[in-house]
Amino acid sequence: MPATPTDRPSSGRVPPPLARGAAFAPGRVRATLARGAALAKGAIVSRGAALAAGAAGSLDTTLAPGRVAAALTWGAAVAHPFLLITAVRTGPYHSTELRLFLSAVAVGLTLPLVRRNPLAALVPLLAGLFAVATTRPDAALLALPLLAADAVVGRIAALRPFRVLLPTALGVLAVQIAAATYTTSGQDVFVSTVVALALALLTAGLLGRSVRIRRDHTAQLRAATAAEAVAAERLRIARELHDVVAHSIGVIAIQAGVGRRVIETQPAEARQALATIETTSRETLAGLRRTLGALRGADADGRPAPRDPAPGLADLERLAASTADAGVRVELRHLGNPDVSLPPEVDLAAYRIVQESLTNVVRHAATSTCRVTVERRTDTLLVEIADDGRGAPGADHGGGYGLVGMRERAALLGGSLSAGPRPGGGFHVTALLPLPADRPHPGPSPRTTPGPGPSPSSRPGPGPGPSPTPSPSPSPSPSPSPSPGPSPSPSPSPSPGPSPRPEGPPAP
């Protein structure tokens, strides 16, 4: 409806529509503005919460405990040269004792990296040593960095082969000689300083090599002891089985031969031989049961060993639950084709390897999680157990034979097992167990139902009559080969061959 002259204000200007709406419905406008403000505030709050949740998740993913420790380790090592220079130049009145203490603190910052990677730890140590030597400090202030570098060389000698030790030692000696040029005066003093540095470095290397040789010798003795224990156990089992089986099988073979020769002429003697075979075999079975019971072991109170079914990979969930009760959470991963069937011996060996590895994780790894991966391939079964703990290779210390037993199980099946520290920390056990090519697959196999006549692959009858001539079957379905049996229709002529039923009368 157009505005009339009386509706216009005295100024003569027509108010805009929003002003007219606000003038006519101020409550509705205020409600609309309040609703819009509430919606905008809710959207901002929800977006902020989503961004905060995503940031927290990314922090949880990227700032894992292992990565945080590695970052702190490398940061402390990189800061070592700067802190060492600061320590040498600090202190009231340049106090030697205070500077030595601060130098020791600066050198101590590299210890975590020395444990993880001694080769990498040498770089900040030598950089700090050379940088401090250029300031020409007192000779006493350089003693601690020099000893720290020599100690790292000794650790490298104990852990790495000689082809890594030799160039490393030569590089360290070169840096030390370069640093000595700033702190010595006179040719005689310089030559004696170089000789002292070389002797100190040689001593550290020899000590490290002696530690390595001693460790290798201890490992060889442990392996020899384990091999002797395995050989002794095998000899004991072989002796028990020989005592139980050899004599009895010999008696059974002799009596079976006697019975075969006299069964036609002397039936009484044949029956006596069969009775002897029966008695001897029963005694042998009883002896085998006793031997197997002794091998399986009995409880301390004399009760027989349990006769539960042997465990397998299907029991890993129960094993993971029991390991979680001990304080280690197990992450199970099943990869590959789940329909690939496993022979009982492979299934049992894989379970025992996982069980022994989890036991070592609980006892030696000092970690709260570990991962178990089982991958069923076409021709092999892969079992891998990994943790992020200390990775101590001493899982078999203290006289145990856990790793030896796992390798023995894998070798008996024609497989392989590797175990050792992981590059980023922790320990891993990997087993590859081969699967036989002719193993049965799950599912019923098709069977051929025999027809009413004899099978074409059945042996011919011993009758003297001529071979039957195959005749085409009157059935409308085609047959791959003519049936030699009689026609389904009744025929008055007798069959040229013997009857397929075993209860028929003998042929004349």
Protein backbone atom coordinates (compact mmCIF):
# COMPACT_ATOMS: atom_id res chain seq x y z
CA MET A 1 0.00 0.00 0.00
CA PRO A 2 1.68 3.26 -1.07
CA ALA A 3 2.48 5.75 1.61
CA THR A 4 0.26 8.76 1.89
CA PRO A 5 1.53 12.27 2.44
CA THR A 6 0.34 12.13 5.99
CA ASP A 7 2.58 9.03 6.66
CA ARG A 8 5.77 10.85 5.71
CA PRO A 9 7.84 12.55 8.42
CA SER A 10 8.25 16.27 8.57
CA SER A 11 11.74 16.06 6.96
CA GLY A 12 10.21 14.82 3.71
CA ARG A 13 12.50 11.64 3.46
CA VAL A 14 11.03 8.19 3.18
CA PRO A 15 12.46 5.86 5.93
CA PRO A 16 14.15 2.66 4.68
CA PRO A 17 12.31 -0.66 4.98
CA LEU A 18 14.54 -1.91 7.83
CA ALA A 19 13.84 1.22 9.79
CA ARG A 20 10.16 0.85 9.20
CA GLY A 21 10.33 -2.86 10.24
CA ALA A 22 12.27 -1.95 13.35
CA ALA A 23 9.80 0.75 14.12
CA PHE A 24 6.82 -1.49 13.64
CA ALA A 25 8.33 -4.77 15.23
CA PRO A 26 11.25 -4.04 17.54
CA GLY A 27 10.81 -7.32 19.52
CA ARG A 28 11.06 -9.48 16.42
CA VAL A 29 14.28 -7.77 15.29
CA ARG A 30 15.89 -8.19 18.69
CA ALA A 31 14.93 -11.88 18.76
CA THR A 32 16.40 -12.42 15.30
CA LEU A 33 19.64 -10.69 16.25
CA ALA A 34 19.90 -12.72 19.48
CA ARG A 35 19.34 -15.98 17.60
CA GLY A 36 22.00 -15.12 15.04
CA ALA A 37 24.49 -14.23 17.76
CA ALA A 38 23.81 -17.54 19.56
CA LEU A 39 24.29 -19.53 16.34
CA ALA A 40 27.53 -17.72 15.54
CA LYS A 41 28.83 -18.28 19.06
CA GLY A 42 27.97 -22.00 18.94
CA ALA A 43 29.69 -22.41 15.58
CA ILE A 44 32.82 -20.68 16.85
CA VAL A 45 32.92 -22.77 20.04
CA SER A 46 32.39 -26.06 18.16
CA ARG A 47 35.05 -25.18 15.60
CA GLY A 48 37.48 -24.26 18.35
CA ALA A 49 36.79 -27.52 20.17
CA ALA A 50 37.35 -29.51 16.97
CA LEU A 51 40.63 -27.72 16.31
CA ALA A 52 41.76 -28.29 19.90
CA ALA A 53 40.88 -32.00 19.68
CA GLY A 54 42.76 -32.33 16.40
CA ALA A 55 45.78 -30.56 17.84
CA ALA A 56 45.74 -32.80 20.91
CA GLY A 57 45.50 -35.88 18.70
CA SER A 58 48.36 -34.71 16.54
CA LEU A 59 50.43 -34.04 19.65
CA ASP A 60 49.67 -37.53 20.95
CA THR A 61 50.73 -38.96 17.58
CA THR A 62 53.84 -36.90 16.93
CA LEU A 63 55.09 -36.45 20.50
CA ALA A 64 55.36 -40.10 21.41
CA PRO A 65 57.56 -40.90 24.44
CA GLY A 66 60.30 -42.35 22.27
CA ARG A 67 60.39 -39.32 19.98
CA VAL A 68 60.41 -36.90 22.89
CA ALA A 69 63.36 -38.74 24.46
CA ALA A 70 65.23 -38.76 21.14
CA ALA A 71 64.59 -35.04 20.63
CA LEU A 72 65.84 -34.22 24.13
CA THR A 73 68.91 -36.42 23.64
CA TRP A 74 69.91 -34.77 20.38
CA GLY A 75 69.12 -31.30 21.71
CA ALA A 76 71.38 -31.79 24.72
CA ALA A 77 74.18 -33.11 22.52
CA VAL A 78 73.92 -30.17 20.11
CA ALA A 79 74.00 -27.72 23.01
CA HIS A 80 77.18 -29.31 24.43
CA PRO A 81 79.77 -27.19 22.53
CA PHE A 82 78.09 -23.90 23.44
CA LEU A 83 77.70 -24.86 27.09
CA LEU A 84 81.30 -26.04 27.25
CA ILE A 85 82.62 -22.73 25.92
CA THR A 86 80.38 -20.87 28.36
CA ALA A 87 81.60 -23.05 31.24
CA VAL A 88 85.25 -22.37 30.42
CA ARG A 89 84.74 -18.60 30.31
CA THR A 90 82.46 -18.26 33.35
CA GLY A 91 82.99 -18.10 37.08
CA PRO A 92 83.99 -15.33 39.47
CA TYR A 93 87.66 -14.51 39.00
CA HIS A 94 87.78 -17.46 36.55
CA SER A 95 87.64 -20.07 39.33
CA THR A 96 89.17 -23.30 38.04
CA GLU A 97 87.06 -25.51 40.31
CA LEU A 98 83.81 -23.92 39.15
CA ARG A 99 84.81 -24.14 35.51
CA LEU A 100 85.73 -27.81 35.92
CA PHE A 101 82.35 -28.50 37.50
CA LEU A 102 80.47 -26.73 34.70
CA SER A 103 82.58 -28.53 32.10
CA ALA A 104 81.63 -31.86 33.70
CA VAL A 105 77.95 -30.88 33.48
CA ALA A 106 78.36 -29.95 29.81
CA VAL A 107 80.09 -33.27 29.05
CA GLY A 108 77.38 -35.14 30.94
CA LEU A 109 74.77 -33.82 28.51
CA THR A 110 76.21 -36.08 25.81
CA LEU A 111 75.90 -39.30 27.85
CA PRO A 112 72.35 -40.19 26.60
CA LEU A 113 73.51 -39.89 22.99
CA VAL A 114 76.64 -41.92 23.77
CA ARG A 115 74.40 -44.77 24.92
CA ARG A 116 72.19 -44.58 21.84
CA ASN A 117 74.73 -43.77 19.12
CA PRO A 118 78.37 -43.35 20.18
CA LEU A 119 79.52 -42.47 16.65
CA ALA A 120 77.11 -39.54 16.50
CA ALA A 121 78.08 -38.45 20.03
CA LEU A 122 81.68 -37.97 18.93
CA VAL A 123 80.72 -35.05 16.66
CA PRO A 124 79.56 -32.60 19.39
CA LEU A 125 82.31 -33.80 21.75
CA LEU A 126 85.10 -33.11 19.26
CA ALA A 127 83.47 -29.85 18.15
CA GLY A 128 83.34 -28.63 21.75
CA LEU A 129 86.94 -29.74 22.38
CA PHE A 130 88.31 -27.88 19.38
CA ALA A 131 86.21 -24.78 20.06
CA VAL A 132 87.43 -24.59 23.66
CA ALA A 133 91.06 -25.17 22.57
CA THR A 134 90.90 -22.14 20.29
CA THR A 135 90.31 -19.95 23.36
CA ARG A 136 93.66 -21.18 24.79
CA PRO A 137 92.38 -22.10 28.28
CA ASP A 138 94.29 -23.85 31.03
CA ALA A 139 95.40 -27.37 30.14
CA ALA A 140 93.42 -28.78 33.08
CA LEU A 141 90.15 -27.61 31.50
CA LEU A 142 90.79 -29.75 28.42
CA ALA A 143 91.44 -32.95 30.35
CA LEU A 144 87.78 -33.85 30.83
CA PRO A 145 86.73 -33.39 27.15
CA LEU A 146 89.78 -35.40 26.06
CA LEU A 147 88.94 -38.26 28.44
CA ALA A 148 85.30 -38.19 27.32
CA ALA A 149 86.33 -38.55 23.65
CA ASP A 150 88.69 -41.44 24.52
CA ALA A 151 85.92 -43.15 26.51
CA VAL A 152 83.56 -42.92 23.54
CA VAL A 153 86.24 -44.48 21.32
CA GLY A 154 86.52 -47.32 23.84
CA ARG A 155 82.75 -47.86 23.68
CA ILE A 156 82.88 -47.93 19.89
CA ALA A 157 85.66 -50.51 20.10
CA ALA A 158 83.46 -52.66 22.34
CA LEU A 159 80.38 -52.43 20.10
CA ARG A 160 81.56 -51.99 16.49
CA PRO A 161 83.92 -54.01 14.26
CA PHE A 162 87.53 -53.07 13.64
CA ARG A 163 86.81 -51.57 10.21
CA VAL A 164 84.68 -48.92 11.95
CA LEU A 165 87.01 -48.46 14.92
CA LEU A 166 90.20 -47.70 12.97
CA PRO A 167 89.02 -44.65 10.93
CA THR A 168 87.12 -43.34 13.94
CA ALA A 169 90.19 -43.50 16.18
CA LEU A 170 92.35 -41.80 13.53
CA GLY A 171 89.82 -38.99 13.15
CA VAL A 172 89.64 -38.44 16.91
CA LEU A 173 93.44 -38.37 17.16
CA ALA A 174 93.63 -35.81 14.35
CA VAL A 175 91.17 -33.48 16.10
CA GLN A 176 93.02 -33.86 19.41
CA ILE A 177 96.34 -33.02 17.76
CA ALA A 178 94.78 -29.97 16.10
CA ALA A 179 93.49 -28.84 19.49
CA ALA A 180 96.94 -29.38 21.03
CA THR A 181 98.47 -26.88 18.64
CA TYR A 182 96.60 -24.10 20.46
CA THR A 183 97.56 -25.14 23.99
CA THR A 184 101.23 -26.14 23.67
CA SER A 185 104.35 -24.10 23.09
CA GLY A 186 107.61 -25.52 21.88
CA GLN A 187 108.34 -28.50 19.68
CA ASP A 188 109.34 -30.84 22.50
CA VAL A 189 106.16 -30.16 24.46
CA PHE A 190 104.05 -30.62 21.33
CA VAL A 191 105.67 -33.98 20.49
CA SER A 192 105.24 -35.29 24.04
CA THR A 193 101.60 -34.13 24.04
CA VAL A 194 100.90 -35.97 20.75
CA VAL A 195 102.53 -39.14 22.10
CA ALA A 196 100.44 -38.93 25.28
CA LEU A 197 97.25 -38.42 23.28
CA ALA A 198 98.04 -41.39 21.04
CA LEU A 199 98.83 -43.64 24.02
CA ALA A 200 95.62 -42.64 25.80
CA LEU A 201 93.56 -43.31 22.69
CA LEU A 202 95.30 -46.64 22.10
CA THR A 203 94.62 -47.66 25.70
CA ALA A 204 90.93 -46.85 25.35
CA GLY A 205 90.71 -48.84 22.12
CA LEU A 206 92.47 -51.87 23.61
CA LEU A 207 90.19 -51.83 26.65
CA GLY A 208 87.15 -51.70 24.40
CA ARG A 209 88.42 -54.56 22.24
CA SER A 210 89.12 -56.66 25.33
CA VAL A 211 85.55 -56.08 26.49
CA ARG A 212 84.25 -57.13 23.05
CA ILE A 213 86.42 -60.26 23.00
CA ARG A 214 85.28 -61.20 26.48
CA ARG A 215 81.63 -60.70 25.52
CA ASP A 216 82.05 -62.83 22.39
CA HIS A 217 83.79 -65.54 24.39
CA THR A 218 80.98 -65.52 26.95
CA ALA A 219 78.41 -65.80 24.16
CA GLN A 220 80.31 -68.72 22.65
CA LEU A 221 80.48 -70.47 26.02
CA ARG A 222 76.75 -69.92 26.52
CA ALA A 223 76.01 -71.29 23.04
CA ALA A 224 78.25 -74.30 23.66
CA THR A 225 76.55 -74.95 27.01
CA ALA A 226 73.14 -74.73 25.38
CA ALA A 227 74.24 -77.08 22.58
CA GLU A 228 75.56 -79.56 25.13
CA ALA A 229 72.30 -79.38 27.06
CA VAL A 230 70.28 -79.98 23.88
CA ALA A 231 72.56 -82.86 22.86
CA ALA A 232 72.32 -84.42 26.32
CA GLU A 233 68.54 -84.18 26.27
CA ARG A 234 68.37 -85.71 22.81
CA LEU A 235 70.70 -88.51 23.91
CA ARG A 236 68.53 -89.21 26.93
CA ILE A 237 65.37 -89.34 24.83
CA ALA A 238 67.08 -91.56 22.25
CA ARG A 239 68.30 -93.90 25.00
CA GLU A 240 64.85 -94.15 26.54
CA LEU A 241 63.19 -94.83 23.21
CA HIS A 242 65.85 -97.37 22.28
CA ASP A 243 65.43 -99.22 25.55
CA VAL A 244 61.67 -99.30 25.16
CA VAL A 245 61.27 -99.91 21.43
CA ALA A 246 64.32 -101.66 19.98
CA HIS A 247 64.03 -105.03 21.76
CA SER A 248 60.27 -105.21 21.45
CA ILE A 249 60.23 -104.36 17.73
CA GLY A 250 62.92 -106.99 17.12
CA VAL A 251 60.83 -109.66 18.89
CA ILE A 252 57.72 -108.64 16.96
CA ALA A 253 59.58 -108.82 13.63
CA ILE A 254 60.94 -112.31 14.39
CA GLN A 255 57.58 -113.69 15.52
CA ALA A 256 55.82 -112.18 12.50
CA GLY A 257 58.31 -113.91 10.19
CA VAL A 258 57.84 -117.24 11.97
CA GLY A 259 54.05 -116.97 11.79
CA ARG A 260 54.13 -116.15 8.08
CA ARG A 261 56.19 -119.26 7.34
CA VAL A 262 54.25 -121.80 9.44
CA ILE A 263 50.71 -120.48 9.07
CA GLU A 264 49.89 -123.11 6.39
CA THR A 265 51.62 -126.13 7.91
CA GLN A 266 51.54 -125.45 11.67
CA PRO A 267 48.57 -123.29 12.63
CA ALA A 268 49.21 -123.79 16.33
CA GLU A 269 52.69 -122.34 16.02
CA ALA A 270 51.30 -119.43 14.03
CA ARG A 271 48.73 -118.70 16.75
CA GLN A 272 51.49 -118.83 19.35
CA ALA A 273 53.55 -116.33 17.32
CA LEU A 274 50.56 -114.00 17.04
CA ALA A 275 49.98 -114.26 20.79
CA THR A 276 53.62 -113.34 21.43
CA ILE A 277 53.31 -110.38 19.06
CA GLU A 278 50.19 -109.19 20.89
CA THR A 279 51.81 -109.48 24.34
CA THR A 280 55.03 -107.78 23.25
CA SER A 281 53.23 -104.91 21.49
CA ARG A 282 51.06 -104.26 24.54
CA GLU A 283 54.12 -104.15 26.77
CA THR A 284 55.84 -101.81 24.32
CA LEU A 285 52.83 -99.48 24.28
CA ALA A 286 52.79 -99.39 28.07
CA GLY A 287 56.51 -98.58 28.13
CA LEU A 288 56.05 -95.81 25.57
CA ARG A 289 53.28 -94.30 27.67
CA ARG A 290 55.55 -94.31 30.71
CA THR A 291 58.43 -92.76 28.74
CA LEU A 292 56.27 -90.04 27.23
CA GLY A 293 54.79 -89.30 30.64
CA ALA A 294 58.28 -88.95 32.09
CA LEU A 295 59.33 -86.67 29.22
CA ARG A 296 56.28 -84.48 29.65
CA GLY A 297 57.04 -84.28 33.34
CA ALA A 298 54.90 -84.68 36.42
CA ASP A 299 53.93 -82.31 39.19
CA ALA A 300 55.90 -82.10 42.38
CA ASP A 301 53.25 -84.07 44.27
CA GLY A 302 53.38 -86.95 41.78
CA ARG A 303 50.25 -86.15 39.81
CA PRO A 304 50.49 -86.90 36.08
CA ALA A 305 51.01 -84.10 33.60
CA PRO A 306 47.85 -82.55 32.14
CA ARG A 307 46.53 -84.05 28.91
CA ASP A 308 44.93 -80.91 27.53
CA PRO A 309 45.16 -80.32 23.77
CA ALA A 310 48.31 -78.63 22.57
CA PRO A 311 47.88 -74.84 22.30
CA GLY A 312 48.03 -72.94 19.03
CA LEU A 313 47.62 -69.51 17.48
CA ALA A 314 43.91 -69.60 18.31
CA ASP A 315 44.93 -69.23 21.98
CA LEU A 316 46.88 -65.98 21.48
CA GLU A 317 44.02 -63.89 22.87
CA ARG A 318 44.16 -65.81 26.14
CA LEU A 319 47.96 -65.48 26.17
CA ALA A 320 47.68 -61.71 25.57
CA ALA A 321 45.20 -61.41 28.44
CA SER A 322 47.55 -63.21 30.83
CA THR A 323 50.44 -61.01 29.67
CA ALA A 324 48.33 -57.90 30.28
CA ASP A 325 47.78 -59.09 33.84
CA ALA A 326 51.58 -59.06 34.22
CA GLY A 327 51.73 -55.40 33.17
CA VAL A 328 52.43 -55.57 29.41
CA ARG A 329 49.67 -54.78 26.93
CA VAL A 330 49.88 -56.89 23.76
CA GLU A 331 48.69 -55.62 20.38
CA LEU A 332 47.74 -58.58 18.18
CA ARG A 333 47.68 -58.25 14.41
CA HIS A 334 46.61 -61.05 12.06
CA LEU A 335 47.57 -60.50 8.42
CA GLY A 336 47.32 -62.59 5.30
CA ASN A 337 44.77 -65.23 4.36
CA PRO A 338 42.97 -66.58 7.46
CA ASP A 339 41.82 -69.64 5.49
CA VAL A 340 45.39 -70.95 5.13
CA SER A 341 45.49 -74.09 7.25
CA LEU A 342 48.43 -74.73 9.57
CA PRO A 343 49.88 -78.13 10.41
CA PRO A 344 49.67 -78.94 14.13
CA GLU A 345 53.44 -78.82 14.62
CA VAL A 346 53.72 -75.38 12.96
CA ASP A 347 50.76 -74.08 14.97
CA LEU A 348 52.31 -75.28 18.24
CA ALA A 349 55.79 -73.97 17.38
CA ALA A 350 54.43 -70.51 16.51
CA TYR A 351 52.50 -70.35 19.79
CA ARG A 352 55.55 -71.39 21.82
CA ILE A 353 57.71 -68.76 20.11
CA VAL A 354 55.19 -66.04 20.92
CA GLN A 355 54.85 -67.32 24.50
CA GLU A 356 58.61 -67.33 25.14
CA SER A 357 59.03 -63.89 23.52
CA LEU A 358 56.29 -62.37 25.67
CA THR A 359 57.90 -63.90 28.74
CA ASN A 360 61.19 -62.21 27.84
CA VAL A 361 59.38 -58.90 27.29
CA VAL A 362 57.79 -59.09 30.73
CA ARG A 363 61.05 -60.04 32.44
CA HIS A 364 63.65 -57.95 30.61
CA ALA A 365 62.17 -55.21 28.38
CA ALA A 366 60.84 -52.82 31.06
CA THR A 367 58.07 -51.59 28.76
CA SER A 368 54.29 -51.45 28.94
CA THR A 369 53.40 -52.44 25.36
CA CYS A 370 54.53 -54.85 22.69
CA ARG A 371 53.28 -55.90 19.27
CA VAL A 372 52.67 -59.42 17.94
CA THR A 373 52.17 -59.85 14.19
CA VAL A 374 51.09 -63.15 12.62
CA GLU A 375 51.02 -63.22 8.82
CA ARG A 376 49.78 -66.31 6.99
CA ARG A 377 51.40 -66.42 3.58
CA THR A 378 51.03 -68.98 0.84
CA ASP A 379 54.12 -70.98 1.71
CA THR A 380 55.35 -69.52 5.01
CA LEU A 381 54.07 -68.32 8.36
CA LEU A 382 55.62 -65.09 9.66
CA VAL A 383 55.60 -64.44 13.41
CA GLU A 384 57.08 -61.17 14.70
CA ILE A 385 57.25 -59.85 18.26
CA ALA A 386 58.59 -56.33 18.83
CA ASP A 387 58.78 -53.98 21.81
CA ASP A 388 60.11 -50.49 22.54
CA GLY A 389 61.81 -51.33 25.82
CA ARG A 390 65.45 -51.35 26.75
CA GLY A 391 66.17 -53.97 24.12
CA ALA A 392 68.63 -55.79 26.34
CA PRO A 393 70.03 -58.77 24.46
CA GLY A 394 70.36 -60.64 27.73
CA ALA A 395 67.00 -62.34 27.55
CA ASP A 396 68.83 -65.59 27.97
CA HIS A 397 71.08 -64.49 30.81
CA GLY A 398 71.03 -66.36 34.00
CA GLY A 399 71.25 -69.83 32.54
CA GLY A 400 68.04 -69.80 30.52
CA TYR A 401 67.71 -71.20 27.04
CA GLY A 402 64.69 -69.26 25.74
CA LEU A 403 66.17 -68.02 22.46
CA VAL A 404 68.02 -71.31 21.97
CA GLY A 405 64.77 -73.24 22.35
CA MET A 406 62.95 -70.94 19.90
CA ARG A 407 65.69 -71.34 17.30
CA GLU A 408 65.62 -75.10 17.84
CA ARG A 409 61.87 -75.21 17.25
CA ALA A 410 62.18 -73.17 14.05
CA ALA A 411 65.12 -75.24 12.79
CA LEU A 412 63.31 -78.54 13.38
CA LEU A 413 60.55 -77.33 11.04
CA GLY A 414 63.01 -76.11 8.40
CA GLY A 415 62.48 -72.44 9.28
CA SER A 416 64.60 -69.64 10.69
CA LEU A 417 64.48 -67.28 13.67
CA SER A 418 66.25 -63.97 14.16
CA ALA A 419 66.37 -61.94 17.37
CA GLY A 420 68.21 -58.80 18.38
CA PRO A 421 67.98 -55.13 19.30
CA ARG A 422 66.04 -52.79 17.03
CA PRO A 423 67.80 -49.75 15.50
CA GLY A 424 65.46 -47.28 17.20
CA GLY A 425 65.50 -49.05 20.56
CA GLY A 426 63.75 -52.13 21.81
CA PHE A 427 64.00 -55.79 20.85
CA HIS A 428 62.48 -57.95 18.12
CA VAL A 429 62.00 -61.65 17.44
CA THR A 430 61.09 -62.75 13.90
CA ALA A 431 60.36 -66.36 12.92
CA LEU A 432 59.69 -67.74 9.43
CA LEU A 433 58.13 -71.20 9.47
CA PRO A 434 57.59 -72.98 6.12
CA LEU A 435 54.23 -74.52 5.32
CA PRO A 436 54.05 -77.83 3.41
CA ALA A 437 52.77 -77.54 -0.13
CA ASP A 438 50.48 -80.59 0.15
CA ARG A 439 48.71 -79.48 3.33
CA PRO A 440 44.92 -79.99 3.38
CA HIS A 441 42.76 -76.93 2.91
CA PRO A 442 39.64 -76.35 4.96
CA GLY A 443 36.36 -77.55 3.55
CA PRO A 444 35.12 -80.98 2.51
CA SER A 445 36.85 -82.48 -0.48
CA PRO A 446 34.64 -83.82 -3.29
CA ARG A 447 34.18 -87.54 -3.30
CA THR A 448 33.28 -89.75 -6.23
CA THR A 449 30.31 -91.97 -5.61
CA PRO A 450 30.79 -95.37 -7.23
CA GLY A 451 28.18 -96.48 -9.72
CA PRO A 452 26.26 -99.72 -9.66
CA GLY A 453 28.87 -101.45 -11.79
CA PRO A 454 32.53 -102.03 -11.08
CA SER A 455 34.88 -99.09 -11.44
CA PRO A 456 36.95 -98.81 -14.60
CA SER A 457 40.09 -98.63 -12.44
CA SER A 458 39.27 -101.89 -10.60
CA ARG A 459 41.59 -104.76 -11.09
CA PRO A 460 40.49 -107.48 -13.53
CA GLY A 461 39.18 -110.65 -12.05
CA PRO A 462 41.33 -113.72 -11.92
CA GLY A 463 38.82 -115.81 -13.85
CA PRO A 464 40.10 -117.82 -16.81
CA GLY A 465 37.44 -116.48 -19.15
CA PRO A 466 38.17 -113.99 -21.90
CA SER A 467 38.19 -110.26 -21.19
CA PRO A 468 34.73 -108.74 -21.46
CA THR A 469 34.08 -106.57 -24.44
CA PRO A 470 32.98 -103.08 -23.36
CA SER A 471 29.52 -102.20 -24.56
CA PRO A 472 28.01 -98.74 -24.68
CA SER A 473 25.79 -97.82 -21.80
CA PRO A 474 22.10 -97.37 -22.65
CA SER A 475 22.02 -94.26 -20.42
CA PRO A 476 21.49 -91.05 -22.41
CA SER A 477 24.27 -89.22 -20.45
CA PRO A 478 27.70 -89.44 -22.08
CA SER A 479 30.44 -91.37 -20.28
CA PRO A 480 34.13 -90.59 -20.55
CA SER A 481 34.99 -94.27 -20.91
CA PRO A 482 32.92 -97.37 -21.67
CA SER A 483 31.80 -99.19 -18.59
CA PRO A 484 33.05 -102.79 -18.38
CA GLY A 485 30.24 -103.70 -16.01
CA PRO A 486 26.94 -105.30 -16.95
CA SER A 487 24.12 -103.33 -18.46
CA PRO A 488 21.52 -101.91 -16.08
CA SER A 489 18.86 -104.01 -17.80
CA PRO A 490 18.60 -107.62 -16.56
CA SER A 491 20.39 -110.11 -18.74
CA PRO A 492 20.06 -113.89 -18.54
CA SER A 493 23.68 -114.40 -19.55
CA PRO A 494 26.18 -114.65 -16.71
CA SER A 495 28.81 -111.93 -16.24
CA PRO A 496 32.16 -112.87 -17.80
CA GLY A 497 34.05 -111.55 -14.77
CA PRO A 498 33.63 -112.10 -11.06
CA SER A 499 30.88 -110.34 -9.18
CA PRO A 500 31.91 -107.02 -7.61
CA ARG A 501 30.42 -108.13 -4.28
CA PRO A 502 32.91 -109.91 -2.02
CA GLU A 503 30.34 -112.33 -0.64
CA GLY A 504 29.73 -114.13 -3.96
CA PRO A 505 30.79 -117.79 -4.43
CA PRO A 506 34.29 -118.41 -5.76
CA ALA A 507 34.67 -119.00 -9.48
CA PRO A 508 35.13 -122.63 -10.49
